[in-house]
């Protein structure tokens, strides 16, 4: 029957398909949030191991073996570990891309490498020679970076593009929180216990991830994301991984990350010695350099957490990931300028606050930006591993560059100048990306 003129229209009935799709979407979102919740402790433990060893345990360990050659020996160890990392990052991601098991693609590798990391971390604390330390440190970094290459791939596996800024922001919290917790813990324990705590934490974080957000079973051949006609043998993908660099934006993001982390590691690797030899422990209200590094790390963490908590949501809302990364690189340059001009305890705290804010913005958006410039579907783990090499290469060679700068200029001020130049170059490169705003 026709409705009388002026009478209200009856409420429209949503199609059954629409209601069903909405319910599915809500359920999917619930699982995505659960994935992120349980991904956080695994990432926190991973970054905690990295920072606890690099900022506190390793510098003191190296100094106890040969105090006179500590700068050069630390640079040598950085090269050894980073060569291992450069191999492990893309290899771990690529092999997990090809893995087929009822436990999923990523879970078997995460479990195995987590246990390896725990054992190697305990062994590292027992080393009393530079050679032994180099061997175990290199093996530990190989296992931990294999783990990182796999765990990074969980984001594009499970998180849709519209939520990757938020996901990247949440994962970005792992770095400052891991640093805050584990740097302060290991700075207040014996060296052997500190290494053991870091290794055990990786196992605990991995168990939480695998039990709380289990991987999806993957069986058969090929990848779930690529049509059968487009699949290639996994061995061919392993021997030709660098084809991704034919993509302009992928290459620009890679180079930008190299410059950002060159600046970051040139300074942060020698933070322990900056307090002892540049600021001077007599000018620091702490009785040990470990505690000075721990307090600086706490300031960095608070600053990072504040920015990370806000930036991911803002970036998702306004879709400005490239701009956020570029501005964070420039902010890092400003942070490096502070102790260059003001080489005091107060200057180091101000540096820590600005460094924390700038790096917090970067880490909140970095993973989302990387996931959006991946050139091919089905190779996410491999390509994210390649982009992660832009972290391991600087961590290897930045200490070598820093050691040469110290030998040439006899001042830690040269490290801050180098950091400024590298950070500005990183900003220029990322702002040239076209695909992402």
Foldseek 3Di string as FASTA:
>chain_A
DDDPPPDDDPDDDDDPVVVVVVVVVVVLVVLLVLLLVLLQLLLLLLLLLVQQCLQFLVLVLLCVQPVVCSLVLLLVLLQLQLVLLLVQQLVLLLQLLFDAFQQHSQLVLLQVLLLVLLVLLLQLLVDRHSVSNSVSSNSNSNSSSSNVLRSLLVCVVRPDLLCVLVSLLSSLLSNLSSLLPLLVVCLPDDSSVSSNVSSVSNNVSSVSSCVRNTHHGGDDGDGPPDDPVPDDDSVVCVVPVCVQCVQQLLVLLLLLLLLLLLLVLLDSSCQLVCDPPVQNVVQPPDPHSSVLSNVLSNLLSVLLNVQSVPQSVVCSVVQALLVLQLVLLQLLLVLLVQCLVVVGSVSSSSSSNSNSNSVSSNSSRVSSSNQQSRPDPSSSSSSVSNSCSSNSVSSNCSSVVSVVQCVVVVHNSVSSVSSNVSSNVSSVSSVPRDPGD
